[in-house]
């Protein structure tokens, strides 16, 4: 863009030039490496933060960055981005939250669902995207479940081996 200005008392017009910033990359700033790990049902310690920048590394303000949960463990519920309502079933998994980037930066915090495993969140702007991974771990065990028990045992017979699993309140297996 060019703008020229002149004043009746000035004999030489002044010429100003401005160039619009064009996005060339979306880079992760926090929450990307190392992968964050928290107990099921809790918010991550660090937000997922990205920077939309031009070829010189200058942050580009006033652009939309969209964050989307696009993968979660089977049957997981309760995951959410910032203050959104929790996801209650897998059919509503693709939640999006558009954030207006300030100085090219945008961030959002993920609250993990009730199932142990990996949760994937994608940040995207224009044609650029980044995938963040967070791992949910099981809570402390609060019950023991029979995995294998003998069908029947008569008095005086040796029974088959019992196999037990420790689980948290959400039925996530817990190492013992």
Protein backbone atom coordinates (compact mmCIF):
# COMPACT_ATOMS: atom_id res chain seq x y z
CA UNK A 1 0.00 0.00 0.00
CA UNK A 2 1.20 3.51 -0.67
CA UNK A 3 -0.08 6.75 0.73
CA UNK A 4 1.15 10.16 -0.30
CA UNK A 5 0.68 13.34 1.65
CA UNK A 6 1.37 16.92 0.72
CA UNK A 7 0.82 20.26 2.31
CA UNK A 8 0.48 23.61 0.56
CA UNK A 9 3.56 24.92 2.37
CA UNK A 10 5.71 21.86 1.49
CA UNK A 11 7.21 21.63 -1.95
CA UNK A 12 8.06 17.86 -1.79
CA UNK A 13 5.28 15.34 -1.12
CA UNK A 14 6.02 12.66 1.50
CA UNK A 15 5.55 9.05 0.45
CA UNK A 16 4.75 6.30 2.94
CA UNK A 17 4.75 2.61 2.21
CA UNK A 18 3.18 -0.24 4.18
CA UNK A 19 3.18 -3.94 3.38
CA UNK A 20 0.45 -6.30 4.62
CA UNK A 21 1.78 -9.25 6.62
CA UNK A 22 1.22 -12.60 4.99
CA UNK A 23 1.17 -15.78 7.12
CA UNK A 24 3.93 -18.26 6.34
CA UNK A 25 3.92 -20.55 9.40
CA UNK A 26 2.04 -21.60 12.50
CA UNK A 27 4.53 -22.63 15.18
CA UNK A 28 4.00 -24.15 18.64
CA UNK A 29 5.10 -22.05 21.63
CA UNK A 30 3.91 -24.13 24.61
CA UNK A 31 2.25 -27.43 25.40
CA UNK A 32 3.80 -29.17 22.39
CA UNK A 33 7.09 -30.76 23.44
CA UNK A 34 7.30 -32.65 25.66
CA UNK A 35 3.84 -34.19 25.50
CA UNK A 36 1.84 -33.23 28.58
CA UNK A 37 0.46 -35.92 30.86
CA UNK A 38 -2.18 -35.46 33.57
CA UNK A 39 -4.72 -37.55 35.45
CA UNK A 40 -8.05 -38.16 33.70
CA UNK A 41 -10.61 -35.37 34.17
CA UNK A 42 -8.08 -32.62 34.94
CA UNK A 43 -6.96 -29.55 33.00
CA UNK A 44 -3.45 -29.55 31.56
CA UNK A 45 -0.82 -27.47 33.36
CA UNK A 46 0.21 -25.60 30.20
CA UNK A 47 -2.07 -24.19 27.51
CA UNK A 48 -1.56 -25.14 23.88
CA UNK A 49 -0.09 -21.92 22.47
CA UNK A 50 0.75 -21.16 18.83
CA UNK A 51 2.16 -18.21 16.92
CA UNK A 52 1.02 -17.29 13.42
CA UNK A 53 3.98 -15.56 11.80
CA UNK A 54 5.28 -14.17 8.53
CA UNK A 55 8.50 -15.20 6.76
CA UNK A 56 10.54 -12.90 9.05
CA UNK A 57 9.13 -14.42 12.25
CA UNK A 58 6.89 -11.43 12.97
CA UNK A 59 3.62 -12.35 14.66
CA UNK A 60 0.52 -11.60 12.62
CA UNK A 61 -2.26 -10.09 14.75
CA UNK A 62 -6.02 -10.17 14.24
CA UNK A 63 -6.16 -13.57 12.53
CA UNK A 64 -8.37 -16.43 13.65
CA UNK A 65 -6.80 -19.59 15.02
CA UNK A 66 -9.15 -22.54 15.44
CA UNK A 67 -8.56 -25.23 18.05
CA UNK A 68 -10.33 -28.57 17.64
CA UNK A 69 -10.36 -31.79 19.67
CA UNK A 70 -10.25 -34.37 16.91
CA UNK A 71 -9.27 -37.59 18.65
CA UNK A 72 -9.80 -39.08 22.09
CA UNK A 73 -9.79 -42.57 23.64
CA UNK A 74 -12.81 -44.74 22.85
CA UNK A 75 -15.88 -43.85 24.94
CA UNK A 76 -14.16 -40.84 26.53
CA UNK A 77 -16.44 -38.08 27.80
CA UNK A 78 -15.90 -34.86 29.74
CA UNK A 79 -13.05 -33.38 27.66
CA UNK A 80 -13.33 -29.69 26.82
CA UNK A 81 -11.43 -26.66 25.57
CA UNK A 82 -11.25 -23.79 28.08
CA UNK A 83 -14.70 -22.92 29.45
CA UNK A 84 -16.79 -24.82 26.92
CA UNK A 85 -19.36 -27.38 27.98
CA UNK A 86 -17.88 -30.84 28.46
CA UNK A 87 -18.30 -33.32 25.61
CA UNK A 88 -20.80 -35.96 26.67
CA UNK A 89 -20.40 -38.49 23.85
CA UNK A 90 -18.15 -39.25 20.90
CA UNK A 91 -20.66 -37.92 18.35
CA UNK A 92 -19.91 -34.37 19.55
CA UNK A 93 -16.14 -34.87 19.56
CA UNK A 94 -15.22 -32.26 16.94
CA UNK A 95 -15.50 -29.19 19.14
CA UNK A 96 -13.97 -26.00 17.75
CA UNK A 97 -13.08 -22.77 19.45
CA UNK A 98 -11.95 -19.78 17.38
CA UNK A 99 -9.52 -17.47 19.13
CA UNK A 100 -8.45 -14.07 17.78
CA UNK A 101 -4.67 -14.06 17.89
CA UNK A 102 -2.99 -11.10 19.58
CA UNK A 103 0.50 -10.36 18.21
CA UNK A 104 0.15 -13.61 16.32
CA UNK A 105 -0.35 -15.75 19.45
CA UNK A 106 -3.35 -17.79 20.46
CA UNK A 107 -3.79 -20.35 23.22
CA UNK A 108 -6.32 -22.68 24.78
CA UNK A 109 -6.32 -25.13 27.68
CA UNK A 110 -7.55 -28.72 27.35
CA UNK A 111 -9.35 -30.52 30.15
CA UNK A 112 -8.87 -34.25 29.65
CA UNK A 113 -11.79 -36.66 29.51
CA UNK A 114 -12.53 -39.64 31.74
CA UNK A 115 -10.60 -42.29 29.78
CA UNK A 116 -6.86 -42.92 29.92
CA UNK A 117 -5.00 -42.51 26.63
CA UNK A 118 -4.05 -39.87 24.09
CA UNK A 119 -6.12 -36.77 23.29
CA UNK A 120 -5.29 -34.88 20.09
CA UNK A 121 -6.02 -31.18 19.58
CA UNK A 122 -5.40 -29.42 16.27
CA UNK A 123 -4.68 -25.70 15.96
CA UNK A 124 -5.16 -24.25 12.47
CA UNK A 125 -5.13 -20.91 10.71
CA UNK A 126 -5.27 -20.29 6.98
CA UNK A 127 -3.66 -23.41 5.46
CA UNK A 128 -1.36 -24.11 8.43
CA UNK A 129 -1.97 -26.56 11.27
CA UNK A 130 -0.28 -28.13 14.29
CA UNK A 131 -1.36 -31.20 16.23
CA UNK A 132 -0.88 -31.29 20.00
CA UNK A 133 -0.97 -34.56 21.97
CA UNK A 134 -1.81 -34.90 25.66
CA UNK A 135 -1.91 -38.16 27.59
CA UNK A 136 -4.46 -38.89 30.30
CA UNK A 137 -3.39 -41.35 32.98
CA UNK A 138 -5.69 -43.35 35.26
CA UNK A 139 -6.53 -42.13 38.75
CA UNK A 140 -5.60 -44.16 41.82
CA UNK A 141 -7.35 -47.52 41.86
CA UNK A 142 -10.58 -47.62 43.83
CA UNK A 143 -11.81 -51.12 42.95
CA UNK A 144 -10.59 -54.59 42.02
CA UNK A 145 -12.26 -56.47 39.16
CA UNK A 146 -12.10 -60.21 38.43
CA UNK A 147 -10.72 -60.67 34.96
CA UNK A 148 -10.71 -64.47 35.07
CA UNK A 149 -12.22 -66.74 37.69
CA UNK A 150 -12.86 -70.49 37.63
CA UNK A 151 -16.31 -71.58 36.48
CA UNK A 152 -16.70 -73.85 39.51
CA UNK A 153 -14.54 -75.64 42.06
CA UNK A 154 -15.56 -78.63 44.14
CA UNK A 155 -14.48 -79.07 47.75
CA UNK A 156 -10.96 -80.45 47.95
CA UNK A 157 -10.06 -79.51 44.34
CA UNK A 158 -7.39 -77.01 43.37
CA UNK A 159 -8.90 -73.99 41.69
CA UNK A 160 -7.65 -72.27 38.59
CA UNK A 161 -5.64 -69.09 38.93
CA UNK A 162 -7.59 -65.94 39.56
CA UNK A 163 -6.64 -62.85 37.60
CA UNK A 164 -7.57 -59.43 38.96
CA UNK A 165 -7.38 -55.89 37.63
CA UNK A 166 -7.23 -52.67 39.61
CA UNK A 167 -9.36 -49.87 38.14
CA UNK A 168 -10.13 -46.23 38.85
CA UNK A 169 -13.66 -44.83 39.12
CA UNK A 170 -13.87 -44.54 35.30
CA UNK A 171 -12.89 -48.19 34.70
CA UNK A 172 -9.37 -47.29 33.52
CA UNK A 173 -6.93 -50.08 34.34
CA UNK A 174 -4.29 -49.13 36.89
CA UNK A 175 -0.94 -50.85 37.33
CA UNK A 176 -0.56 -52.47 40.74
